[in-house]
Amino acid sequence: MDKHGVEKVQSGGLTITKVDGYFRTNIDTKLLKEEELEIAQKYSKIVEVAPSIRLKIDEMGTPT
């Protein structure tokens, strides 16, 4: 998509949108649990993740 300057493709009710990469900050939970287990347990929570569909399109010519 980058090669052709395309941000979005729509066809017959299907929309494919390019989403740019980005940086985010994460907490190393494995290390936190090793070094500060009580704090890790205190701030941990269980959240429900909604079902979704993932569509992967390999670049042209890339073997899969």
Protein backbone atom coordinates (compact mmCIF):
# COMPACT_ATOMS: atom_id res chain seq x y z
CA MET A 1 0.00 0.00 0.00
CA ASP A 2 2.88 2.35 0.80
CA LYS A 3 4.49 1.65 -2.55
CA HIS A 4 1.37 2.85 -4.39
CA GLY A 5 0.37 5.62 -1.95
CA VAL A 6 -2.91 3.89 -1.06
CA GLU A 7 -4.42 4.46 2.39
CA LYS A 8 -7.77 2.67 1.93
CA VAL A 9 -9.29 0.10 -0.43
CA GLN A 10 -13.04 -0.47 -0.63
CA SER A 11 -14.75 -3.17 -2.66
CA GLY A 12 -18.15 -4.82 -2.33
CA GLY A 13 -18.63 -3.98 1.33
CA LEU A 14 -15.01 -4.81 2.27
CA THR A 15 -12.77 -2.00 3.47
CA ILE A 16 -9.04 -2.44 4.00
CA THR A 17 -7.35 0.47 5.73
CA LYS A 18 -3.62 0.97 6.23
CA VAL A 19 -2.81 1.79 9.84
CA ASP A 20 0.56 3.42 10.43
CA GLY A 21 2.92 1.94 12.98
CA TYR A 22 3.44 3.82 16.22
CA PHE A 23 5.38 3.69 19.47
CA ARG A 24 3.75 2.88 22.78
CA THR A 25 4.97 2.43 26.32
CA ASN A 26 4.49 -0.95 27.96
CA ILE A 27 5.31 -2.25 31.41
CA ASP A 28 7.50 -5.35 31.60
CA THR A 29 5.03 -7.36 33.68
CA LYS A 30 7.28 -10.40 33.88
CA LEU A 31 10.05 -8.33 35.48
CA LEU A 32 7.57 -6.44 37.68
CA LYS A 33 6.16 -9.74 38.99
CA GLU A 34 9.67 -10.99 39.72
CA GLU A 35 10.79 -7.85 41.54
CA GLU A 36 7.55 -6.40 43.00
CA LEU A 37 4.94 -9.17 43.09
CA GLU A 38 2.62 -7.39 45.55
CA ILE A 39 2.49 -4.24 43.41
CA ALA A 40 1.91 -6.31 40.25
CA GLN A 41 -0.98 -8.15 41.92
CA LYS A 42 -2.45 -4.95 43.35
CA TYR A 43 -2.68 -3.25 39.95
CA SER A 44 -3.54 -6.26 37.78
CA LYS A 45 -7.04 -6.59 36.39
CA ILE A 46 -8.88 -8.91 34.04
CA VAL A 47 -10.62 -7.29 31.08
CA GLU A 48 -12.84 -8.84 28.44
CA VAL A 49 -11.59 -8.57 24.88
CA ALA A 50 -14.32 -8.39 22.24
CA PRO A 51 -14.19 -10.83 19.34
CA SER A 52 -12.67 -9.43 16.17
CA ILE A 53 -11.58 -10.39 12.68
CA ARG A 54 -7.99 -10.01 11.58
CA LEU A 55 -7.19 -9.63 7.90
CA LYS A 56 -3.57 -10.07 6.82
CA ILE A 57 -2.37 -9.21 3.37
CA ASP A 58 1.20 -10.17 2.50
CA GLU A 59 3.21 -7.93 0.23
CA MET A 60 3.18 -8.97 -3.40
CA GLY A 61 5.96 -11.41 -4.22
CA THR A 62 6.67 -12.27 -0.58
CA PRO A 63 6.54 -16.04 -0.03
CA THR A 64 4.21 -17.12 2.78
